[in-house]
Amino acid sequence: MTSSDPPADPSAEPRSATIATIAREVGVSVATVSKVLNGRADVAPETRTKVEASLDRHHYRRRRRRQPTEADRLYLVFHEFDSAWSMEIIRGVEAAASASGIEVVLAQLGGRHRPSDTWLDRMLGRHPLGVLFVACGLTQIQKERMRRQNVPFVAVDTDTATAESVPTVGSNNWNGGLVATRHLLELGHRRIAVISGPQDLLCSRARIAGFRSAHDEAGLTVDPELVRHGDFYLDGGYAEGKALLQLPQPPTAVFAGSDIQAMGVLRAARELGLRIPADLSVVGYDNLPVAAWIEPALTTVHQPLHDMAVTATRMLLDLSAGTDLTTSRIDLGTELVVRDSTARPA
């Protein structure tokens, strides 16, 4: 015995056409129909007219776009927002995430370098694709919770030494401190101060280590009075810079641990009647866009913030897709950018 389909009911509503139906009827690819539906310009006018006519004949209705879920989103978490520095990271993450159709949720921890358990509970309850931590991180117990719930995470410019099990993207902070200080020594400065970031941050300590290594190379001893820890912000650079410049034997050059902190040093110098670079040379760190526009243009260490963010995002997307990483630690290179804020000492 064989079966046959029941006769079609002429009164039944016709089945909705698909993109494939339209493509076959017009004699084009499915991709071309999709381009027309999305308003793309790279379709010949004659072809567009034919496709649109077919869509009208079939009363084609585009399916309602699925609303994004938390699984389509990654969290980008800062310990706190600093507009200039953070924006470079945000741009890089957004560029890499949007290319994969992933949305980015911004969060900040109010200056803390570890999230509270309450914050972590709320975030994990939303089951995101993954989390990028910028200059902040997790306790060991929090890391284990993330792994148990299969939420991958990657650290950017991490604040402490991480185990190999924590994927991390940073830059060579030691080399940054080294090349900045070498530059000042080569100009002839011998009394050089450094204002790094908070002492509990690994990147701060690494930049000072590079600063010390450059002095060791030159056979010079670092005056402990010239080694300061700021906060990477304007206020820190201003306060520490003013204190240094009012010493009985002030420095002739200052290496600041960030461009923003260097701007604080510049303000302190101007208030004390010092000319840059005739009376004081200043080197920053990060190479933010604003560094090239201030007066004088700032000599600085280029830290590839955008590339760091892109690399970290791609690592996170690989982890979320179940791909094994070839390495858990990537440090991108740093290099000196010489502009107008440094010169030979008077």
Protein backbone atom coordinates (compact mmCIF):
# COMPACT_ATOMS: atom_id res chain seq x y z
CA MET A 1 0.00 0.00 0.00
CA THR A 2 1.24 3.46 -0.83
CA SER A 3 0.17 6.73 0.60
CA SER A 4 -0.32 10.00 -1.16
CA ASP A 5 -0.46 13.57 0.02
CA PRO A 6 -3.98 14.93 0.59
CA PRO A 7 -5.26 17.26 -2.09
CA ALA A 8 -4.42 20.89 -1.57
CA ASP A 9 -7.11 22.97 0.04
CA PRO A 10 -7.64 25.93 -2.27
CA SER A 11 -9.02 27.95 0.62
CA ALA A 12 -5.88 27.44 2.73
CA GLU A 13 -3.49 30.38 3.16
CA PRO A 14 -0.40 29.94 0.96
CA ARG A 15 2.85 29.11 2.71
CA SER A 16 5.11 32.13 3.18
CA ALA A 17 7.94 32.43 0.67
CA THR A 18 11.51 32.11 1.83
CA ILE A 19 14.59 33.95 0.67
CA ALA A 20 15.54 30.79 -1.26
CA THR A 21 12.17 30.87 -3.02
CA ILE A 22 12.74 34.46 -4.13
CA ALA A 23 16.29 33.68 -5.25
CA ARG A 24 15.17 30.74 -7.43
CA GLU A 25 12.37 32.73 -9.02
CA VAL A 26 14.57 35.71 -9.93
CA GLY A 27 17.62 33.59 -10.78
CA VAL A 28 20.02 35.16 -8.28
CA SER A 29 21.84 33.96 -5.20
CA VAL A 30 20.40 33.91 -1.71
CA ALA A 31 23.12 36.37 -0.76
CA THR A 32 21.85 38.86 -3.34
CA VAL A 33 18.30 38.68 -1.97
CA SER A 34 19.71 39.19 1.53
CA LYS A 35 21.61 42.27 0.35
CA VAL A 36 18.40 43.76 -1.06
CA LEU A 37 16.55 43.08 2.19
CA ASN A 38 19.36 44.73 4.15
CA GLY A 39 19.47 47.78 1.91
CA ARG A 40 23.00 47.12 0.66
CA ALA A 41 24.16 49.34 -2.19
CA ASP A 42 26.27 46.70 -3.99
CA VAL A 43 23.35 45.28 -6.06
CA ALA A 44 22.73 46.23 -9.70
CA PRO A 45 19.60 48.46 -10.08
CA GLU A 46 17.94 46.04 -12.54
CA THR A 47 18.53 43.08 -10.22
CA ARG A 48 17.26 45.06 -7.23
CA THR A 49 14.03 45.89 -9.10
CA LYS A 50 13.42 42.23 -9.98
CA VAL A 51 14.07 41.06 -6.42
CA GLU A 52 11.81 43.70 -4.91
CA ALA A 53 9.02 42.82 -7.37
CA SER A 54 9.27 39.15 -6.38
CA LEU A 55 9.21 40.07 -2.69
CA ASP A 56 6.03 42.06 -3.30
CA ARG A 57 4.34 39.26 -5.28
CA HIS A 58 4.98 36.78 -2.49
CA HIS A 59 4.03 39.28 0.23
CA TYR A 60 7.36 38.44 1.82
CA ARG A 61 7.60 39.41 5.45
CA ARG A 62 10.95 39.40 7.10
CA ARG A 63 11.11 37.35 10.24
CA ARG A 64 11.27 39.37 13.39
CA ARG A 65 14.88 39.68 14.43
CA ARG A 66 15.70 37.67 17.50
CA GLN A 67 16.42 39.91 20.43
CA PRO A 68 19.99 39.48 21.67
CA THR A 69 20.43 37.35 24.74
CA GLU A 70 23.15 37.59 27.35
CA ALA A 71 24.87 34.74 25.50
CA ASP A 72 25.37 37.23 22.64
CA ARG A 73 27.12 39.68 24.95
CA LEU A 74 30.47 39.98 26.59
CA TYR A 75 31.16 42.05 29.67
CA LEU A 76 33.98 44.60 29.60
CA VAL A 77 34.85 45.40 33.21
CA PHE A 78 37.13 48.26 34.35
CA HIS A 79 38.20 48.94 37.91
CA GLU A 80 37.10 52.49 37.08
CA PHE A 81 36.61 54.56 33.96
CA ASP A 82 39.26 56.99 32.79
CA SER A 83 37.84 58.56 29.65
CA ALA A 84 40.99 58.84 27.52
CA TRP A 85 42.70 55.57 28.47
CA SER A 86 39.50 53.55 28.71
CA MET A 87 38.21 54.75 25.35
CA GLU A 88 41.18 53.22 23.55
CA ILE A 89 40.38 49.86 25.15
CA ILE A 90 36.66 50.20 24.45
CA ARG A 91 37.28 51.00 20.77
CA GLY A 92 39.44 47.91 20.35
CA VAL A 93 36.99 45.59 22.10
CA GLU A 94 34.03 46.98 20.16
CA ALA A 95 35.86 46.58 16.84
CA ALA A 96 36.64 42.91 17.47
CA ALA A 97 33.27 42.08 19.06
CA SER A 98 31.08 43.77 16.44
CA ALA A 99 32.89 41.90 13.67
CA SER A 100 31.55 38.71 15.27
CA GLY A 101 28.05 40.07 15.95
CA ILE A 102 28.69 40.30 19.68
CA GLU A 103 27.44 43.14 21.89
CA VAL A 104 29.57 44.69 24.62
CA VAL A 105 28.27 45.52 28.10
CA LEU A 106 30.40 48.08 29.98
CA ALA A 107 30.85 47.86 33.74
CA GLN A 108 33.15 49.39 36.34
CA LEU A 109 33.96 48.45 39.92
CA GLY A 110 34.11 51.90 41.47
CA GLY A 111 37.89 51.89 41.86
CA ARG A 112 38.13 48.39 43.33
CA HIS A 113 40.49 45.88 41.74
CA ARG A 114 38.28 42.91 42.66
CA PRO A 115 34.52 42.57 42.11
CA SER A 116 32.32 41.94 45.12
CA ASP A 117 30.66 38.54 45.39
CA THR A 118 27.28 40.28 45.02
CA TRP A 119 28.36 41.85 41.73
CA LEU A 120 29.71 38.52 40.53
CA ASP A 121 26.44 36.78 41.47
CA ARG A 122 24.41 39.22 39.36
CA MET A 123 26.76 38.94 36.39
CA LEU A 124 26.92 35.14 36.44
CA GLY A 125 23.14 34.99 36.75
CA ARG A 126 22.92 36.54 33.28
CA HIS A 127 25.14 33.83 31.72
CA PRO A 128 27.21 36.11 29.45
CA LEU A 129 29.40 34.86 26.63
CA GLY A 130 32.48 35.86 28.62
CA VAL A 131 34.16 38.65 30.59
CA LEU A 132 37.15 40.92 29.92
CA PHE A 133 38.71 42.36 33.08
CA VAL A 134 40.77 45.53 32.57
CA ALA A 135 43.27 46.42 35.31
CA CYS A 136 41.24 44.29 37.71
CA GLY A 137 40.77 40.61 38.35
CA LEU A 138 39.29 37.83 40.45
CA THR A 139 40.13 36.02 43.65
CA GLN A 140 40.98 32.33 43.33
CA ILE A 141 37.53 31.36 44.61
CA GLN A 142 35.87 33.70 42.09
CA LYS A 143 37.92 32.21 39.25
CA GLU A 144 36.73 28.74 40.23
CA ARG A 145 33.12 29.94 40.23
CA MET A 146 33.52 31.37 36.73
CA ARG A 147 34.97 28.10 35.46
CA ARG A 148 32.27 25.98 37.08
CA GLN A 149 29.64 28.01 35.24
CA ASN A 150 31.60 27.83 31.96
CA VAL A 151 31.97 31.60 31.66
CA PRO A 152 35.43 32.28 30.15
CA PHE A 153 37.43 35.34 31.15
CA VAL A 154 40.53 37.17 29.96
CA ALA A 155 42.57 39.81 31.79
CA VAL A 156 43.83 42.98 30.10
CA ASP A 157 46.81 44.84 31.60
CA THR A 158 46.41 42.71 34.68
CA ASP A 159 47.17 44.23 38.08
CA THR A 160 48.97 41.24 39.58
CA ALA A 161 51.05 38.35 38.32
CA THR A 162 48.65 35.75 36.94
CA ALA A 163 48.88 32.02 36.76
CA GLU A 164 49.24 30.45 33.33
CA SER A 165 45.64 29.29 33.65
CA VAL A 166 44.41 32.91 33.38
CA PRO A 167 44.57 34.17 29.77
CA THR A 168 46.16 37.61 29.87
CA VAL A 169 47.01 40.32 27.34
CA GLY A 170 49.33 43.11 28.37
CA SER A 171 52.29 45.08 27.13
CA ASN A 172 55.97 45.04 27.96
CA ASN A 173 55.88 47.54 30.81
CA TRP A 174 59.47 46.83 31.86
CA ASN A 175 60.70 47.71 28.38
CA GLY A 176 58.57 50.85 28.42
CA GLY A 177 60.27 52.05 31.58
CA LEU A 178 63.64 51.11 30.17
CA VAL A 179 63.35 52.98 26.85
CA ALA A 180 61.84 56.08 28.46
CA THR A 181 64.70 56.34 30.96
CA ARG A 182 67.38 55.49 28.39
CA HIS A 183 66.14 58.38 26.27
CA LEU A 184 66.51 60.84 29.16
CA LEU A 185 69.94 59.48 30.08
CA GLU A 186 71.12 59.74 26.47
CA LEU A 187 70.05 63.40 26.46
CA GLY A 188 72.39 63.94 29.41
CA HIS A 189 69.99 63.94 32.36
CA ARG A 190 71.41 62.43 35.52
CA ARG A 191 68.79 63.40 38.08
CA ILE A 192 65.67 61.73 36.75
CA ALA A 193 62.47 61.15 38.73
CA VAL A 194 59.77 58.57 38.10
CA ILE A 195 56.12 58.84 39.07
CA SER A 196 54.54 55.46 38.43
CA GLY A 197 51.06 54.25 39.27
CA PRO A 198 49.76 52.59 42.45
CA GLN A 199 52.35 50.39 44.09
CA ASP A 200 50.05 47.36 44.20
CA LEU A 201 49.79 47.24 40.40
CA LEU A 202 52.24 44.98 38.58
CA CYS A 203 52.43 47.33 35.60
CA SER A 204 53.50 50.17 37.94
CA ARG A 205 56.25 48.10 39.49
CA ALA A 206 57.41 46.82 36.08
CA ARG A 207 57.84 50.36 34.72
CA ILE A 208 59.92 51.30 37.76
CA ALA A 209 61.97 48.13 37.29
CA GLY A 210 62.75 49.25 33.72
CA PHE A 211 63.62 52.72 35.05
CA ARG A 212 66.09 51.17 37.50
CA SER A 213 67.58 48.87 34.84
CA ALA A 214 68.38 51.85 32.60
CA HIS A 215 70.25 53.46 35.49
CA ASP A 216 72.11 50.20 36.16
CA GLU A 217 73.18 50.08 32.50
CA ALA A 218 74.58 53.59 32.82
CA GLY A 219 76.37 52.78 36.09
CA LEU A 220 74.19 55.25 38.01
CA THR A 221 72.49 54.94 41.37
CA VAL A 222 68.80 55.83 41.70
CA ASP A 223 68.01 58.37 44.41
CA PRO A 224 65.14 56.81 46.41
CA GLU A 225 63.67 60.29 46.93
CA LEU A 226 63.01 60.50 43.18
CA VAL A 227 60.91 57.32 43.02
CA ARG A 228 57.22 58.09 43.56
CA HIS A 229 53.91 56.30 43.19
CA GLY A 230 50.96 58.28 41.87
CA ASP A 231 47.53 57.15 40.72
CA PHE A 232 47.89 57.39 36.89
CA TYR A 233 45.60 60.47 36.97
CA LEU A 234 46.05 64.24 36.75
CA ASP A 235 45.88 64.79 40.50
CA GLY A 236 48.57 62.23 41.20
CA GLY A 237 50.91 63.68 38.59
CA TYR A 238 50.30 67.21 39.82
CA ALA A 239 50.81 66.44 43.53
CA GLU A 240 53.87 64.23 43.12
CA GLY A 241 55.32 66.47 40.42
CA LYS A 242 55.05 69.57 42.58
CA ALA A 243 56.65 67.78 45.53
CA LEU A 244 59.55 66.62 43.38
CA LEU A 245 60.12 70.02 41.78
CA GLN A 246 60.25 71.72 45.18
CA LEU A 247 63.01 69.45 46.51
CA PRO A 248 66.32 71.14 47.44
CA GLN A 249 67.81 69.22 44.49
CA PRO A 250 64.92 68.86 42.05
CA PRO A 251 65.06 66.51 39.05
CA THR A 252 65.84 67.81 35.59
CA ALA A 253 63.53 65.19 34.03
CA VAL A 254 60.43 63.25 35.05
CA PHE A 255 59.19 59.95 33.66
CA ALA A 256 55.45 59.77 34.40
CA GLY A 257 53.66 56.41 34.39
CA SER A 258 50.84 57.65 32.15
CA ASP A 259 50.18 60.49 29.72
CA ILE A 260 47.43 61.84 31.96
CA GLN A 261 49.78 61.83 34.94
CA ALA A 262 52.42 63.56 32.81
CA MET A 263 49.94 66.38 32.14
CA GLY A 264 49.64 66.86 35.88
CA VAL A 265 53.43 67.20 36.05
CA LEU A 266 53.36 69.77 33.25
CA ARG A 267 50.84 71.86 35.16
CA ALA A 268 52.91 71.72 38.34
CA ALA A 269 56.00 72.79 36.39
CA ARG A 270 54.24 75.76 34.82
CA GLU A 271 52.92 76.93 38.19
CA LEU A 272 56.49 76.92 39.47
CA GLY A 273 57.65 78.97 36.48
CA LEU A 274 59.53 76.16 34.75
CA ARG A 275 59.74 75.92 30.97
CA ILE A 276 59.23 72.62 29.16
CA PRO A 277 61.64 71.28 27.97
CA ALA A 278 64.23 74.02 28.63
CA ASP A 279 64.05 73.63 32.42
CA LEU A 280 62.39 70.24 32.74
CA SER A 281 61.95 67.27 30.40
CA VAL A 282 58.83 65.11 30.77
CA VAL A 283 58.06 61.67 29.34
CA GLY A 284 54.60 60.10 29.50
CA TYR A 285 53.26 56.62 28.91
CA ASP A 286 50.41 55.22 26.72
CA ASN A 287 50.61 57.53 23.68
CA LEU A 288 46.99 58.60 23.92
CA PRO A 289 45.80 60.75 20.98
CA VAL A 290 45.80 63.85 23.17
CA ALA A 291 49.56 63.46 23.79
CA ALA A 292 50.32 64.70 20.28
CA TRP A 293 48.05 67.75 20.66
CA ILE A 294 49.07 69.30 23.96
CA GLU A 295 51.72 72.03 24.06
CA PRO A 296 54.47 71.01 23.95
CA ALA A 297 53.65 67.70 22.27
CA LEU A 298 54.46 64.94 24.74
CA THR A 299 57.32 62.48 24.36
CA THR A 300 55.80 59.21 25.49
CA VAL A 301 55.95 55.42 25.44
CA HIS A 302 53.50 53.91 22.98
CA GLN A 303 51.43 51.22 24.63
CA PRO A 304 49.26 49.46 21.99
CA LEU A 305 46.00 49.73 23.92
CA HIS A 306 43.77 49.20 20.88
CA ASP A 307 45.70 46.12 19.77
CA MET A 308 45.72 44.76 23.31
CA ALA A 309 41.94 45.07 23.43
CA VAL A 310 41.45 43.43 20.03
CA THR A 311 43.77 40.55 20.94
CA ALA A 312 42.05 39.96 24.29
CA THR A 313 38.60 40.00 22.68
CA ARG A 314 39.61 37.46 20.06
CA MET A 315 41.04 35.24 22.78
CA LEU A 316 37.76 35.46 24.70
CA LEU A 317 35.70 34.64 21.60
CA ASP A 318 37.94 31.63 20.92
CA LEU A 319 37.45 30.41 24.47
CA SER A 320 33.68 30.85 24.24
CA ALA A 321 33.70 28.74 21.06
CA GLY A 322 35.62 25.96 22.82
CA THR A 323 38.90 26.64 21.00
CA ASP A 324 42.12 25.95 22.89
CA LEU A 325 44.49 28.91 23.09
CA THR A 326 48.04 28.47 21.83
CA THR A 327 49.31 30.63 24.70
CA SER A 328 47.80 32.04 27.87
CA ARG A 329 49.99 35.17 28.08
CA ILE A 330 50.58 37.74 25.35
CA ASP A 331 52.69 40.85 25.93
CA LEU A 332 52.69 43.30 23.04
CA GLY A 333 55.67 45.53 22.39
CA THR A 334 56.17 49.10 23.60
CA GLU A 335 58.24 51.80 21.92
CA LEU A 336 59.30 55.36 22.52
CA VAL A 337 57.68 58.23 20.59
CA VAL A 338 59.90 61.33 20.79
CA ARG A 339 58.17 64.69 20.53
CA ASP A 340 58.80 68.16 22.00
CA SER A 341 58.69 67.72 25.78
CA THR A 342 62.24 66.39 26.15
CA ALA A 343 65.61 68.03 25.49
CA ARG A 344 69.14 68.14 26.83
CA PRO A 345 69.37 69.64 30.35
CA ALA A 346 70.25 73.32 30.52
